[in-house]
């Protein structure tokens, strides 16, 4: 799954990276610990004309047919069923988007302990998740919302979790965003990102609380002598790891 991520991309870099023709004037300060229900930046085709626009959306999809917010925010959609699940199928057919990011977090559980890891591109370049967006009318309020699509984990993420967000390669941004791209072709793009291009490393447990949002959260730390976390660290470095270290949430 994807329940936390970071985005350290300034506005001007977003314009260049995603070929934006429209974007808010905000400078987009760095976000080190983006959490569900917060407003996030998404890239989508404009309603009229060419190009792409960047808008803000609540993280947790509210389908257009809902009249009130769901009890649990729909922050993720599964790639395997996104084209036919009632909550997502119409958005998948017509309202696909990109969610700019620079890293995301997953956790290893060892009893009551939760050790977070940050997953990034090895070259530290920014990237974009595959997402969907919707607009719903909740009473007198119109809410724009979004979700991130997940797929099976690659070899880097698998020691941490069995799911990972879909990262869209830059060369297929246009195909992914184009509402005229057939559903079958769009679904074929939902693949695990190549493992050799990613890296995972342990970070401070301060990221466990969404109220913390500062640069220290993305700094690599030295692991404590916790068997579960140490086993995962060996696995991330390519050493064999016992099956018990592959605990899922």
C-alpha atoms as a PDB file:
ATOM      1  CA  UNK A   1       0.000   0.000   0.000  1.00  0.00           C
ATOM      2  CA  UNK A   2       0.980   3.649   0.133  1.00  0.00           C
ATOM      3  CA  UNK A   3       0.019   5.510   3.294  1.00  0.00           C
ATOM      4  CA  UNK A   4       2.739   8.190   3.553  1.00  0.00           C
ATOM      5  CA  UNK A   5       5.011   9.873   1.050  1.00  0.00           C
ATOM      6  CA  UNK A   6       7.086  12.988   0.543  1.00  0.00           C
ATOM      7  CA  UNK A   7       7.284  15.591  -2.208  1.00  0.00           C
ATOM      8  CA  UNK A   8      10.191  18.030  -2.241  1.00  0.00           C
ATOM      9  CA  UNK A   9       9.627  19.398  -5.753  1.00  0.00           C
ATOM     10  CA  UNK A  10       9.499  23.215  -6.101  1.00  0.00           C
ATOM     11  CA  UNK A  11       6.858  24.766  -8.327  1.00  0.00           C
ATOM     12  CA  UNK A  12       9.216  25.643 -11.197  1.00  0.00           C
ATOM     13  CA  UNK A  13      10.604  22.111 -11.238  1.00  0.00           C
ATOM     14  CA  UNK A  14       7.052  20.719 -11.324  1.00  0.00           C
ATOM     15  CA  UNK A  15       6.254  22.881 -14.345  1.00  0.00           C
ATOM     16  CA  UNK A  16       9.281  21.545 -16.180  1.00  0.00           C
ATOM     17  CA  UNK A  17       9.030  17.901 -15.107  1.00  0.00           C
ATOM     18  CA  UNK A  18       5.366  17.478 -15.958  1.00  0.00           C
ATOM     19  CA  UNK A  19       4.999  19.907 -18.845  1.00  0.00           C
ATOM     20  CA  UNK A  20       2.471  22.031 -16.998  1.00  0.00           C
ATOM     21  CA  UNK A  21       0.572  24.802 -18.709  1.00  0.00           C
ATOM     22  CA  UNK A  22      -1.301  25.786 -15.530  1.00  0.00           C
ATOM     23  CA  UNK A  23      -0.334  25.625 -11.849  1.00  0.00           C
ATOM     24  CA  UNK A  24      -1.111  27.507  -8.615  1.00  0.00           C
ATOM     25  CA  UNK A  25       1.258  30.344  -7.783  1.00  0.00           C
ATOM     26  CA  UNK A  26       2.234  28.679  -4.510  1.00  0.00           C
ATOM     27  CA  UNK A  27       5.927  27.797  -4.283  1.00  0.00           C
ATOM     28  CA  UNK A  28       4.999  24.346  -2.910  1.00  0.00           C
ATOM     29  CA  UNK A  29       7.128  24.131   0.231  1.00  0.00           C
ATOM     30  CA  UNK A  30       8.761  20.738   0.847  1.00  0.00           C
ATOM     31  CA  UNK A  31       6.435  18.119   2.323  1.00  0.00           C
ATOM     32  CA  UNK A  32       8.299  15.397   4.206  1.00  0.00           C
ATOM     33  CA  UNK A  33       5.385  13.406   5.623  1.00  0.00           C
ATOM     34  CA  UNK A  34       2.221  13.630   3.509  1.00  0.00           C
ATOM     35  CA  UNK A  35      -0.658  11.753   5.156  1.00  0.00           C
ATOM     36  CA  UNK A  36      -4.173  10.644   4.153  1.00  0.00           C
ATOM     37  CA  UNK A  37      -6.938  13.309   4.039  1.00  0.00           C
ATOM     38  CA  UNK A  38      -4.377  16.078   3.496  1.00  0.00           C
ATOM     39  CA  UNK A  39      -4.398  18.160   0.315  1.00  0.00           C
ATOM     40  CA  UNK A  40      -1.917  16.903  -2.275  1.00  0.00           C
ATOM     41  CA  UNK A  41      -0.780  18.110  -5.688  1.00  0.00           C
ATOM     42  CA  UNK A  42      -1.970  16.161  -8.726  1.00  0.00           C
ATOM     43  CA  UNK A  43      -1.294  16.557 -12.452  1.00  0.00           C
ATOM     44  CA  UNK A  44      -4.206  16.094 -14.861  1.00  0.00           C
ATOM     45  CA  UNK A  45      -5.233  17.134 -18.371  1.00  0.00           C
ATOM     46  CA  UNK A  46      -7.148  20.449 -18.373  1.00  0.00           C
ATOM     47  CA  UNK A  47     -10.874  20.359 -18.999  1.00  0.00           C
ATOM     48  CA  UNK A  48     -10.436  22.405 -22.181  1.00  0.00           C
ATOM     49  CA  UNK A  49      -7.497  22.791 -24.542  1.00  0.00           C
ATOM     50  CA  UNK A  50      -4.131  21.057 -24.499  1.00  0.00           C
ATOM     51  CA  UNK A  51      -1.351  20.763 -21.953  1.00  0.00           C
ATOM     52  CA  UNK A  52      -1.505  19.687 -18.325  1.00  0.00           C
ATOM     53  CA  UNK A  53      -2.536  21.427 -15.139  1.00  0.00           C
ATOM     54  CA  UNK A  54      -1.575  21.014 -11.507  1.00  0.00           C
ATOM     55  CA  UNK A  55      -4.371  21.227  -8.928  1.00  0.00           C
ATOM     56  CA  UNK A  56      -4.810  20.316  -5.273  1.00  0.00           C
ATOM     57  CA  UNK A  57      -6.970  17.390  -4.146  1.00  0.00           C
ATOM     58  CA  UNK A  58      -7.846  15.693  -0.852  1.00  0.00           C
ATOM     59  CA  UNK A  59      -5.978  12.382  -0.498  1.00  0.00           C
ATOM     60  CA  UNK A  60      -8.731   9.819  -0.143  1.00  0.00           C
ATOM     61  CA  UNK A  61     -11.046   9.349  -3.107  1.00  0.00           C
ATOM     62  CA  UNK A  62     -14.708  10.281  -2.723  1.00  0.00           C
ATOM     63  CA  UNK A  63     -16.565   8.938  -5.810  1.00  0.00           C
ATOM     64  CA  UNK A  64     -18.918  11.374  -7.538  1.00  0.00           C
ATOM     65  CA  UNK A  65     -21.983   9.379  -6.518  1.00  0.00           C
ATOM     66  CA  UNK A  66     -21.303   9.602  -2.764  1.00  0.00           C
ATOM     67  CA  UNK A  67     -23.214  12.191  -0.730  1.00  0.00           C
ATOM     68  CA  UNK A  68     -20.995  12.050   2.363  1.00  0.00           C
ATOM     69  CA  UNK A  69     -17.371  11.265   3.117  1.00  0.00           C
ATOM     70  CA  UNK A  70     -16.675   7.545   3.653  1.00  0.00           C
ATOM     71  CA  UNK A  71     -15.774   6.360   7.154  1.00  0.00           C
ATOM     72  CA  UNK A  72     -12.304   5.376   5.899  1.00  0.00           C
ATOM     73  CA  UNK A  73     -10.572   7.391   3.175  1.00  0.00           C
ATOM     74  CA  UNK A  74      -9.959   5.449  -0.034  1.00  0.00           C
ATOM     75  CA  UNK A  75      -6.288   6.370  -0.269  1.00  0.00           C
ATOM     76  CA  UNK A  76      -5.309   3.407  -2.485  1.00  0.00           C
ATOM     77  CA  UNK A  77      -6.822   1.470  -5.374  1.00  0.00           C
ATOM     78  CA  UNK A  78      -5.553  -1.964  -6.401  1.00  0.00           C
ATOM     79  CA  UNK A  79      -4.168  -2.176  -9.935  1.00  0.00           C
ATOM     80  CA  UNK A  80      -5.610  -5.654 -10.379  1.00  0.00           C
ATOM     81  CA  UNK A  81      -9.234  -4.518  -9.921  1.00  0.00           C
ATOM     82  CA  UNK A  82      -9.217  -0.737 -10.468  1.00  0.00           C
ATOM     83  CA  UNK A  83     -10.909  -1.018 -13.871  1.00  0.00           C
ATOM     84  CA  UNK A  84     -13.937  -2.863 -12.491  1.00  0.00           C
ATOM     85  CA  UNK A  85     -14.263  -1.924  -8.800  1.00  0.00           C
ATOM     86  CA  UNK A  86     -17.414   0.254  -8.410  1.00  0.00           C
ATOM     87  CA  UNK A  87     -15.513   2.871  -6.377  1.00  0.00           C
ATOM     88  CA  UNK A  88     -12.851   3.430  -9.025  1.00  0.00           C
ATOM     89  CA  UNK A  89     -13.871   2.155 -12.469  1.00  0.00           C
ATOM     90  CA  UNK A  90     -15.382   5.399 -13.815  1.00  0.00           C
ATOM     91  CA  UNK A  91     -12.452   7.478 -12.588  1.00  0.00           C
ATOM     92  CA  UNK A  92     -10.033   4.952 -14.060  1.00  0.00           C
ATOM     93  CA  UNK A  93     -11.731   5.222 -17.454  1.00  0.00           C
ATOM     94  CA  UNK A  94     -11.836   9.025 -17.581  1.00  0.00           C
ATOM     95  CA  UNK A  95     -10.022  10.775 -14.698  1.00  0.00           C
ATOM     96  CA  UNK A  96      -6.482   9.451 -14.384  1.00  0.00           C
ATOM     97  CA  UNK A  97      -3.782  11.667 -12.886  1.00  0.00           C
ATOM     98  CA  UNK A  98      -0.162  11.778 -11.747  1.00  0.00           C
ATOM     99  CA  UNK A  99       0.809  12.355  -8.107  1.00  0.00           C
ATOM    100  CA  UNK A 100       4.276  14.009  -7.889  1.00  0.00           C
ATOM    101  CA  UNK A 101       6.606  12.561  -5.235  1.00  0.00           C
ATOM    102  CA  UNK A 102      10.237  12.143  -4.231  1.00  0.00           C
ATOM    103  CA  UNK A 103       9.884   9.171  -1.868  1.00  0.00           C
ATOM    104  CA  UNK A 104       7.435   7.014   0.063  1.00  0.00           C
ATOM    105  CA  UNK A 105       7.457   5.143   3.369  1.00  0.00           C
ATOM    106  CA  UNK A 106       6.810   1.588   4.498  1.00  0.00           C
ATOM    107  CA  UNK A 107       7.150  -0.033   7.905  1.00  0.00           C
ATOM    108  CA  UNK A 108       8.556  -3.237   9.375  1.00  0.00           C
ATOM    109  CA  UNK A 109       6.660  -4.546  12.394  1.00  0.00           C
ATOM    110  CA  UNK A 110       8.443  -6.273  15.278  1.00  0.00           C
ATOM    111  CA  UNK A 111       5.949  -6.755  18.079  1.00  0.00           C
ATOM    112  CA  UNK A 112       4.963  -3.272  19.222  1.00  0.00           C
ATOM    113  CA  UNK A 113       7.793  -1.661  17.281  1.00  0.00           C
ATOM    114  CA  UNK A 114       7.352  -0.047  13.855  1.00  0.00           C
ATOM    115  CA  UNK A 115      10.523   0.776  11.948  1.00  0.00           C
ATOM    116  CA  UNK A 116       9.927   3.060   8.947  1.00  0.00           C
ATOM    117  CA  UNK A 117      11.871   2.917   5.699  1.00  0.00           C
ATOM    118  CA  UNK A 118      11.987   5.486   2.937  1.00  0.00           C
ATOM    119  CA  UNK A 119      11.946   4.255  -0.672  1.00  0.00           C
ATOM    120  CA  UNK A 120      13.462   6.545  -3.304  1.00  0.00           C
ATOM    121  CA  UNK A 121      14.951   6.430  -6.760  1.00  0.00           C
ATOM    122  CA  UNK A 122      18.648   5.611  -6.599  1.00  0.00           C
ATOM    123  CA  UNK A 123      19.439   8.756  -8.565  1.00  0.00           C
ATOM    124  CA  UNK A 124      17.193  10.753  -6.164  1.00  0.00           C
ATOM    125  CA  UNK A 125      15.192  12.163  -9.081  1.00  0.00           C
ATOM    126  CA  UNK A 126      11.503  12.949  -8.484  1.00  0.00           C
ATOM    127  CA  UNK A 127       8.802  10.732  -9.950  1.00  0.00           C
ATOM    128  CA  UNK A 128       5.012  10.370 -10.096  1.00  0.00           C
ATOM    129  CA  UNK A 129       2.532   7.809  -8.816  1.00  0.00           C
ATOM    130  CA  UNK A 130      -0.393   6.637 -10.908  1.00  0.00           C
ATOM    131  CA  UNK A 131      -3.531   8.188  -9.468  1.00  0.00           C
ATOM    132  CA  UNK A 132      -7.219   8.863 -10.018  1.00  0.00           C
ATOM    133  CA  UNK A 133      -9.205  11.974  -9.205  1.00  0.00           C
ATOM    134  CA  UNK A 134     -12.885  12.733  -8.652  1.00  0.00           C
ATOM    135  CA  UNK A 135     -15.185  15.604  -7.719  1.00  0.00           C
ATOM    136  CA  UNK A 136     -18.121  14.934  -5.403  1.00  0.00           C
ATOM    137  CA  UNK A 137     -20.812  17.190  -3.959  1.00  0.00           C
ATOM    138  CA  UNK A 138     -21.099  16.636  -0.219  1.00  0.00           C
ATOM    139  CA  UNK A 139     -24.001  18.795   0.861  1.00  0.00           C
ATOM    140  CA  UNK A 140     -23.088  22.357  -0.076  1.00  0.00           C
ATOM    141  CA  UNK A 141     -19.403  21.476  -0.460  1.00  0.00           C
ATOM    142  CA  UNK A 142     -17.728  20.343  -3.660  1.00  0.00           C
ATOM    143  CA  UNK A 143     -14.727  18.131  -2.882  1.00  0.00           C
ATOM    144  CA  UNK A 144     -11.942  17.255  -5.295  1.00  0.00           C
ATOM    145  CA  UNK A 145     -10.176  14.098  -4.144  1.00  0.00           C
ATOM    146  CA  UNK A 146      -7.598  11.585  -5.331  1.00  0.00           C
ATOM    147  CA  UNK A 147      -6.253   8.092  -4.728  1.00  0.00           C
ATOM    148  CA  UNK A 148      -2.945   6.351  -5.487  1.00  0.00           C
ATOM    149  CA  UNK A 149      -2.925   3.044  -7.357  1.00  0.00           C
ATOM    150  CA  UNK A 150      -0.881   0.186  -5.899  1.00  0.00           C
ATOM    151  CA  UNK A 151       0.513  -3.029  -7.373  1.00  0.00           C
ATOM    152  CA  UNK A 152       2.545  -6.004  -6.162  1.00  0.00           C
ATOM    153  CA  UNK A 153       5.875  -5.093  -4.595  1.00  0.00           C
ATOM    154  CA  UNK A 154       9.160  -5.350  -6.446  1.00  0.00           C
ATOM    155  CA  UNK A 155      12.291  -6.904  -4.916  1.00  0.00           C
ATOM    156  CA  UNK A 156      13.231  -3.700  -3.058  1.00  0.00           C
ATOM    157  CA  UNK A 157       9.854  -3.123  -1.411  1.00  0.00           C
ATOM    158  CA  UNK A 158       8.881  -6.786  -0.828  1.00  0.00           C
ATOM    159  CA  UNK A 159      10.894  -7.151   2.431  1.00  0.00           C
ATOM    160  CA  UNK A 160       8.820  -4.258   3.800  1.00  0.00           C
ATOM    161  CA  UNK A 161       5.366  -4.829   2.332  1.00  0.00           C
ATOM    162  CA  UNK A 162       3.678  -6.925  -0.335  1.00  0.00           C
ATOM    163  CA  UNK A 163       2.260  -3.846  -2.136  1.00  0.00           C
ATOM    164  CA  UNK A 164       3.802  -0.679  -3.538  1.00  0.00           C
ATOM    165  CA  UNK A 165       2.504   2.417  -5.340  1.00  0.00           C
ATOM    166  CA  UNK A 166       2.622   2.330  -9.140  1.00  0.00           C
ATOM    167  CA  UNK A 167       5.348   4.679 -10.371  1.00  0.00           C
ATOM    168  CA  UNK A 168       4.638   5.891 -13.907  1.00  0.00           C
ATOM    169  CA  UNK A 169       7.707   6.198 -16.183  1.00  0.00           C
ATOM    170  CA  UNK A 170       8.011   9.679 -17.691  1.00  0.00           C
ATOM    171  CA  UNK A 171       7.852   8.324 -21.227  1.00  0.00           C
ATOM    172  CA  UNK A 172       4.279   7.110 -20.717  1.00  0.00           C
ATOM    173  CA  UNK A 173       2.853  10.147 -18.890  1.00  0.00           C
ATOM    174  CA  UNK A 174       0.924  11.156 -22.006  1.00  0.00           C
ATOM    175  CA  UNK A 175      -0.629   7.727 -22.516  1.00  0.00           C
ATOM    176  CA  UNK A 176      -1.574   7.459 -18.861  1.00  0.00           C
ATOM    177  CA  UNK A 177      -3.208  10.891 -18.662  1.00  0.00           C
ATOM    178  CA  UNK A 178      -5.002  10.789 -22.015  1.00  0.00           C
ATOM    179  CA  UNK A 179      -8.684   9.892 -21.365  1.00  0.00           C
ATOM    180  CA  UNK A 180      -8.804   8.475 -24.901  1.00  0.00           C
ATOM    181  CA  UNK A 181      -6.282   5.776 -24.013  1.00  0.00           C
ATOM    182  CA  UNK A 182      -8.280   2.508 -23.904  1.00  0.00           C
ATOM    183  CA  UNK A 183      -8.867   1.089 -20.432  1.00  0.00           C
ATOM    184  CA  UNK A 184      -7.014  -2.115 -21.306  1.00  0.00           C
ATOM    185  CA  UNK A 185      -3.963  -0.153 -22.459  1.00  0.00           C
ATOM    186  CA  UNK A 186      -3.996   2.070 -19.384  1.00  0.00           C
ATOM    187  CA  UNK A 187      -4.243  -0.955 -17.084  1.00  0.00           C
ATOM    188  CA  UNK A 188      -1.238  -2.553 -18.816  1.00  0.00           C
ATOM    189  CA  UNK A 189       0.873   0.390 -17.569  1.00  0.00           C
ATOM    190  CA  UNK A 190       0.247  -0.539 -13.922  1.00  0.00           C
ATOM    191  CA  UNK A 191       3.438  -2.511 -13.265  1.00  0.00           C
ATOM    192  CA  UNK A 192       5.941  -2.643 -10.400  1.00  0.00           C
ATOM    193  CA  UNK A 193       8.738  -0.137 -10.952  1.00  0.00           C
ATOM    194  CA  UNK A 194      12.088  -1.766 -11.860  1.00  0.00           C
ATOM    195  CA  UNK A 195      13.798  -2.746  -8.607  1.00  0.00           C
ATOM    196  CA  UNK A 196      17.344  -1.755  -9.709  1.00  0.00           C
ATOM    197  CA  UNK A 197      16.173   1.867  -9.960  1.00  0.00           C
ATOM    198  CA  UNK A 198      14.967   2.060  -6.342  1.00  0.00           C
ATOM    199  CA  UNK A 199      16.604   2.070  -2.918  1.00  0.00           C
ATOM    200  CA  UNK A 200      15.162   1.663   0.594  1.00  0.00           C
ATOM    201  CA  UNK A 201      16.792   2.859   3.804  1.00  0.00           C
ATOM    202  CA  UNK A 202      15.717   3.197   7.477  1.00  0.00           C
ATOM    203  CA  UNK A 203      14.579   6.579   8.783  1.00  0.00           C
ATOM    204  CA  UNK A 204      13.503   8.084  12.089  1.00  0.00           C
ATOM    205  CA  UNK A 205      10.410   6.755  13.842  1.00  0.00           C
ATOM    206  CA  UNK A 206       9.285  10.379  14.066  1.00  0.00           C
ATOM    207  CA  UNK A 207       7.735   9.804  10.642  1.00  0.00           C
ATOM    208  CA  UNK A 208       5.202   7.528  12.370  1.00  0.00           C
ATOM    209  CA  UNK A 209       3.318  10.650  13.493  1.00  0.00           C
ATOM    210  CA  UNK A 210       1.816  12.765  10.737  1.00  0.00           C
ATOM    211  CA  UNK A 211       2.298  15.919  12.819  1.00  0.00           C
ATOM    212  CA  UNK A 212       6.056  15.694  12.195  1.00  0.00           C
ATOM    213  CA  UNK A 213       7.036  17.205   8.854  1.00  0.00           C
ATOM    214  CA  UNK A 214      10.668  18.291   8.600  1.00  0.00           C
ATOM    215  CA  UNK A 215      13.898  17.435   6.815  1.00  0.00           C
ATOM    216  CA  UNK A 216      15.166  15.099   9.540  1.00  0.00           C
ATOM    217  CA  UNK A 217      12.490  12.558   8.557  1.00  0.00           C
ATOM    218  CA  UNK A 218      14.268  11.644   5.314  1.00  0.00           C
ATOM    219  CA  UNK A 219      17.753  11.226   6.810  1.00  0.00           C
ATOM    220  CA  UNK A 220      19.200   7.704   6.944  1.00  0.00           C
ATOM    221  CA  UNK A 221      19.599   6.337  10.472  1.00  0.00           C
ATOM    222  CA  UNK A 222      21.561   3.493  12.040  1.00  0.00           C
ATOM    223  CA  UNK A 223      19.225   0.689  13.077  1.00  0.00           C
ATOM    224  CA  UNK A 224      18.909  -0.434  16.654  1.00  0.00           C
ATOM    225  CA  UNK A 225      19.616  -4.088  17.408  1.00  0.00           C
ATOM    226  CA  UNK A 226      16.037  -5.160  16.684  1.00  0.00           C
ATOM    227  CA  UNK A 227      15.937  -8.654  15.107  1.00  0.00           C
ATOM    228  CA  UNK A 228      13.061  -7.923  12.733  1.00  0.00           C
ATOM    229  CA  UNK A 229      14.465  -4.622  11.500  1.00  0.00           C
ATOM    230  CA  UNK A 230      17.989  -5.984  11.264  1.00  0.00           C
ATOM    231  CA  UNK A 231      16.773  -8.929   9.180  1.00  0.00           C
ATOM    232  CA  UNK A 232      15.064  -6.596   6.744  1.00  0.00           C
ATOM    233  CA  UNK A 233      18.176  -4.458   6.505  1.00  0.00           C
ATOM    234  CA  UNK A 234      20.174  -7.541   5.507  1.00  0.00           C
ATOM    235  CA  UNK A 235      17.554  -8.375   2.914  1.00  0.00           C
ATOM    236  CA  UNK A 236      17.664  -4.878   1.446  1.00  0.00           C
ATOM    237  CA  UNK A 237      21.413  -5.271   1.123  1.00  0.00           C
ATOM    238  CA  UNK A 238      20.977  -8.537  -0.755  1.00  0.00           C
ATOM    239  CA  UNK A 239      21.683 -11.067   2.005  1.00  0.00           C
ATOM    240  CA  UNK A 240      19.344 -14.022   2.722  1.00  0.00           C
ATOM    241  CA  UNK A 241      16.712 -13.315   5.348  1.00  0.00           C
ATOM    242  CA  UNK A 242      14.493 -15.727   7.334  1.00  0.00           C
ATOM    243  CA  UNK A 243      10.830 -16.012   6.354  1.00  0.00           C
ATOM    244  CA  UNK A 244       9.748 -14.521   9.677  1.00  0.00           C
ATOM    245  CA  UNK A 245      11.202 -11.176   8.611  1.00  0.00           C
ATOM    246  CA  UNK A 246       8.656 -10.912   5.827  1.00  0.00           C
ATOM    247  CA  UNK A 247       5.794 -10.032   8.134  1.00  0.00           C
ATOM    248  CA  UNK A 248       2.893  -8.230   6.464  1.00  0.00           C
ATOM    249  CA  UNK A 249       0.500  -5.683   7.804  1.00  0.00           C
END
